[in-house]
Protein backbone atom coordinates (compact mmCIF):
# COMPACT_ATOMS: atom_id res chain seq x y z
CA UNK A 1 22.48 124.68 59.11
CA UNK A 2 22.49 123.58 62.70
CA UNK A 3 24.86 126.15 64.09
CA UNK A 4 21.99 128.43 65.11
CA UNK A 5 23.53 131.54 63.55
CA UNK A 6 20.26 133.41 63.47
CA UNK A 7 19.22 136.02 60.94
CA UNK A 8 19.22 139.46 62.51
CA UNK A 9 15.65 140.45 61.73
CA UNK A 10 14.55 143.73 63.28
CA UNK A 11 18.08 144.39 64.58
CA UNK A 12 19.52 146.40 61.72
CA UNK A 13 21.12 143.47 59.89
CA UNK A 14 19.20 141.62 57.20
CA UNK A 15 16.15 143.75 57.88
CA UNK A 16 17.15 146.09 55.06
CA UNK A 17 15.16 145.17 51.95
CA UNK A 18 16.64 144.60 48.52
CA UNK A 19 20.06 146.07 49.33
CA UNK A 20 22.33 145.22 46.42
CA UNK A 21 25.38 147.03 47.79
CA UNK A 22 26.76 150.33 48.98
CA UNK A 23 29.11 152.38 46.82
CA UNK A 24 31.07 155.28 48.32
CA UNK A 25 32.87 157.50 45.86
CA UNK A 26 35.11 160.49 46.41
CA UNK A 27 36.55 162.49 43.56
CA UNK A 28 38.61 165.63 43.19
CA UNK A 29 40.08 165.45 46.70
CA UNK A 30 43.24 167.46 47.27
CA UNK A 31 45.47 167.71 50.32
CA UNK A 32 46.35 171.00 51.94
CA UNK A 33 49.91 172.16 52.44
CA UNK A 34 51.34 170.73 49.19
CA UNK A 35 55.03 170.16 48.63
CA UNK A 36 57.19 173.18 47.91
CA UNK A 37 58.92 171.13 45.20
CA UNK A 38 55.81 171.17 43.00
CA UNK A 39 56.22 172.86 39.63
CA UNK A 40 54.98 176.44 39.42
CA UNK A 41 52.03 177.05 37.11
CA UNK A 42 52.80 178.53 33.70
CA UNK A 43 51.37 182.04 33.75
CA UNK A 44 51.07 182.00 29.92
CA UNK A 45 49.01 178.77 29.78
CA UNK A 46 45.32 179.30 28.96
CA UNK A 47 43.00 178.70 31.84
CA UNK A 48 40.85 175.60 31.48
CA UNK A 49 37.23 175.71 32.56
CA UNK A 50 36.31 173.19 35.26
CA UNK A 51 33.97 170.40 34.21
CA UNK A 52 30.72 170.80 36.15
CA UNK A 53 29.35 167.78 38.02
CA UNK A 54 26.08 166.43 36.64
CA UNK A 55 23.14 167.88 38.46
CA UNK A 56 19.58 166.88 39.10
CA UNK A 57 16.68 169.18 38.10
CA UNK A 58 16.94 170.75 41.54
CA UNK A 59 20.60 171.59 41.06
CA UNK A 60 21.99 168.94 43.44
CA UNK A 61 24.96 166.87 42.27
CA UNK A 62 24.10 163.28 41.41
CA UNK A 63 26.03 159.99 41.47
CA UNK A 64 24.95 157.15 39.19
CA UNK A 65 25.40 153.62 40.58
CA UNK A 66 24.86 150.65 38.28
CA UNK A 67 24.20 147.22 39.79
CA UNK A 68 24.05 144.31 37.36
CA UNK A 69 22.70 140.85 37.95
CA UNK A 70 19.94 139.47 40.16
CA UNK A 71 21.11 136.90 42.75
CA UNK A 72 17.59 135.50 43.03
CA UNK A 73 16.94 135.03 39.32
CA UNK A 74 18.37 131.54 39.02
CA UNK A 75 17.12 128.04 38.41
CA UNK A 76 14.42 126.65 36.15
CA UNK A 77 11.83 128.93 34.61
CA UNK A 78 9.08 127.38 36.74
CA UNK A 79 10.57 128.60 40.01
CA UNK A 80 9.74 132.19 41.06
CA UNK A 81 12.70 134.54 40.64
CA UNK A 82 11.90 136.01 44.06
CA UNK A 83 11.92 133.30 46.78
CA UNK A 84 9.96 135.60 49.08
CA UNK A 85 6.87 135.12 46.86
CA UNK A 86 6.63 131.38 47.56
CA UNK A 87 4.55 132.13 50.66
CA UNK A 88 2.79 135.19 51.98
CA UNK A 89 3.63 136.69 55.35
CA UNK A 90 0.25 135.48 56.60
CA UNK A 91 0.93 131.87 55.52
CA UNK A 92 4.29 131.81 57.27
CA UNK A 93 2.95 133.46 60.41
CA UNK A 94 0.05 130.99 60.60
CA UNK A 95 2.32 127.99 60.14
CA UNK A 96 4.53 129.28 62.95
CA UNK A 97 1.59 129.36 65.34
CA UNK A 98 0.18 132.82 64.74
CA UNK A 99 1.69 134.25 67.91
CA UNK A 100 3.51 136.99 66.01
CA UNK A 101 3.69 138.29 62.47
CA UNK A 102 6.71 137.14 60.51
CA UNK A 103 7.70 139.45 57.65
CA UNK A 104 9.69 138.61 54.54
CA UNK A 105 13.05 140.37 54.69
CA UNK A 106 13.63 140.39 50.94
CA UNK A 107 15.77 138.02 48.86
CA UNK A 108 19.12 137.31 50.49
CA UNK A 109 22.16 139.06 49.08
CA UNK A 110 24.40 136.46 50.73
CA UNK A 111 22.94 133.22 49.37
CA UNK A 112 21.57 132.38 45.92
CA UNK A 113 17.77 132.11 45.95
CA UNK A 114 17.07 132.42 49.66
CA UNK A 115 14.52 134.28 51.78
CA UNK A 116 13.91 134.65 55.51
CA UNK A 117 10.68 135.64 57.25
CA UNK A 118 11.36 137.01 60.72
CA UNK A 119 10.08 138.54 63.92
CA UNK A 120 11.90 139.43 67.10
CA UNK A 121 11.35 135.95 68.52
CA UNK A 122 11.10 133.62 65.53
CA UNK A 123 12.18 133.12 61.96
CA UNK A 124 11.69 130.77 59.03
CA UNK A 125 13.99 130.44 56.03
CA UNK A 126 13.71 128.89 52.57
CA UNK A 127 16.81 128.34 50.48
CA UNK A 128 18.12 126.56 47.42
CA UNK A 129 20.59 123.74 48.16
CA UNK A 130 23.14 122.52 45.64
CA UNK A 131 23.50 118.83 44.78
CA UNK A 132 26.70 118.27 46.77
CA UNK A 133 25.40 119.95 49.94
CA UNK A 134 22.09 118.09 49.71
CA UNK A 135 23.78 114.70 49.37
CA UNK A 136 26.32 115.44 52.10
CA UNK A 137 23.85 116.80 54.64
CA UNK A 138 21.07 114.26 54.18
CA UNK A 139 23.54 111.37 54.60
CA UNK A 140 25.44 112.84 57.56
CA UNK A 141 25.29 110.44 60.55
CA UNK A 142 25.26 113.43 62.90
CA UNK A 143 21.60 113.90 61.94
CA UNK A 144 18.57 111.66 62.20
CA UNK A 145 16.73 111.49 58.88
CA UNK A 146 13.00 110.72 58.67
CA UNK A 147 11.16 110.56 55.28
CA UNK A 148 8.27 113.01 54.90
CA UNK A 149 5.40 112.27 52.50
CA UNK A 150 3.64 114.84 50.36
CA UNK A 151 6.47 117.36 50.07
CA UNK A 152 7.91 117.69 46.56
CA UNK A 153 9.25 114.54 44.92
CA UNK A 154 11.24 113.47 47.96
CA UNK A 155 11.64 114.95 51.42
CA UNK A 156 13.43 114.16 54.67
CA UNK A 157 13.27 115.83 58.05
CA UNK A 158 16.66 116.12 59.72
CA UNK A 159 17.21 116.62 63.44
CA UNK A 160 20.35 116.42 65.53
CA UNK A 161 21.01 112.78 66.36
CA UNK A 162 22.27 113.74 69.81
CA UNK A 163 19.10 115.37 71.13
CA UNK A 164 16.47 115.66 68.37
CA UNK A 165 16.72 119.45 68.22
CA UNK A 166 16.98 121.93 65.35
CA UNK A 167 14.79 120.28 62.70
CA UNK A 168 15.26 121.21 59.06
CA UNK A 169 13.29 119.91 56.09
CA UNK A 170 15.25 119.03 52.95
CA UNK A 171 13.26 118.27 49.81
CA UNK A 172 13.53 117.90 46.05
CA UNK A 173 11.29 119.30 43.32
CA UNK A 174 12.29 118.24 39.84
CA UNK A 175 16.07 118.57 39.63
CA UNK A 176 16.38 121.19 42.40
CA UNK A 177 16.84 120.81 46.14
CA UNK A 178 15.55 123.09 48.90
CA UNK A 179 15.67 123.44 52.67
CA UNK A 180 13.19 124.97 55.10
CA UNK A 181 14.26 125.85 58.64
CA UNK A 182 11.82 127.07 61.30
CA UNK A 183 12.98 128.52 64.61
CA UNK A 184 10.18 129.20 67.07
CA UNK A 185 12.41 130.79 69.69
CA UNK A 186 15.82 132.20 68.83
CA UNK A 187 17.06 131.72 72.39
CA UNK A 188 16.17 128.01 72.62
CA UNK A 189 18.79 125.39 71.80
CA UNK A 190 17.07 122.23 73.06
CA UNK A 191 14.39 120.05 71.45
CA UNK A 192 11.42 121.62 73.24
CA UNK A 193 10.22 123.37 70.06
CA UNK A 194 11.01 120.55 67.62
CA UNK A 195 7.37 119.37 67.20
CA UNK A 196 6.09 122.85 66.38
CA UNK A 197 9.06 123.72 64.17
CA UNK A 198 8.91 120.50 62.16
CA UNK A 199 5.12 120.84 61.73
CA UNK A 200 5.59 124.35 60.31
CA UNK A 201 8.30 123.16 57.93
CA UNK A 202 6.21 120.27 56.64
CA UNK A 203 3.05 122.37 56.22
CA UNK A 204 4.87 125.06 54.26
CA UNK A 205 6.79 122.47 52.25
CA UNK A 206 3.51 121.02 51.02
CA UNK A 207 2.25 124.47 50.07
CA UNK A 208 5.46 125.28 48.22
CA UNK A 209 5.42 122.31 45.86
CA UNK A 210 3.22 123.81 43.14
CA UNK A 211 5.04 127.14 43.02
CA UNK A 212 8.47 125.58 42.91
CA UNK A 213 7.45 123.17 40.17
CA UNK A 214 5.95 125.94 38.03
């Protein structure tokens, strides 16, 4: 949470949308210069016809890749399967001050039910938090916890107890827990942006309540 390991929006990392995985396949490879101990072919054996590779209508060989499962389709029926639909790009950009447009990068393939909106300078993330992590983080004495009204059924804003930096909003809707983290400037590590970041988190948390409740 507070380690400031930033999403790599617009830098070739998480910018790729809806990437489920990459499959590289190689078949029928043979090495040159085979062993001289190999058995000689039987000249009386009937020749077998090679099996042609499947082709597309244009004649090009095709490879079929099957990906099963949707990492974002979890949780109660009332919650959107795609976390990136909780807010629009315009809503996130406005909450972050409107200085730049933040774009949804697609559901995370690394975390269950998580989405990040990013620009070169800023980002905001929404993620599902399991019961154990929620209880552990919100009771950690390393963070200052302040109750926030009007966000879900219960919400607390956490900041680093040492300097008040890196705010993150943790909240509960029904039986599920969520976290919103806003970073106004990726290069900043002090508390100078805490007021703006916490205001964005709280504003978007209030907007999210209805969609997350279903």
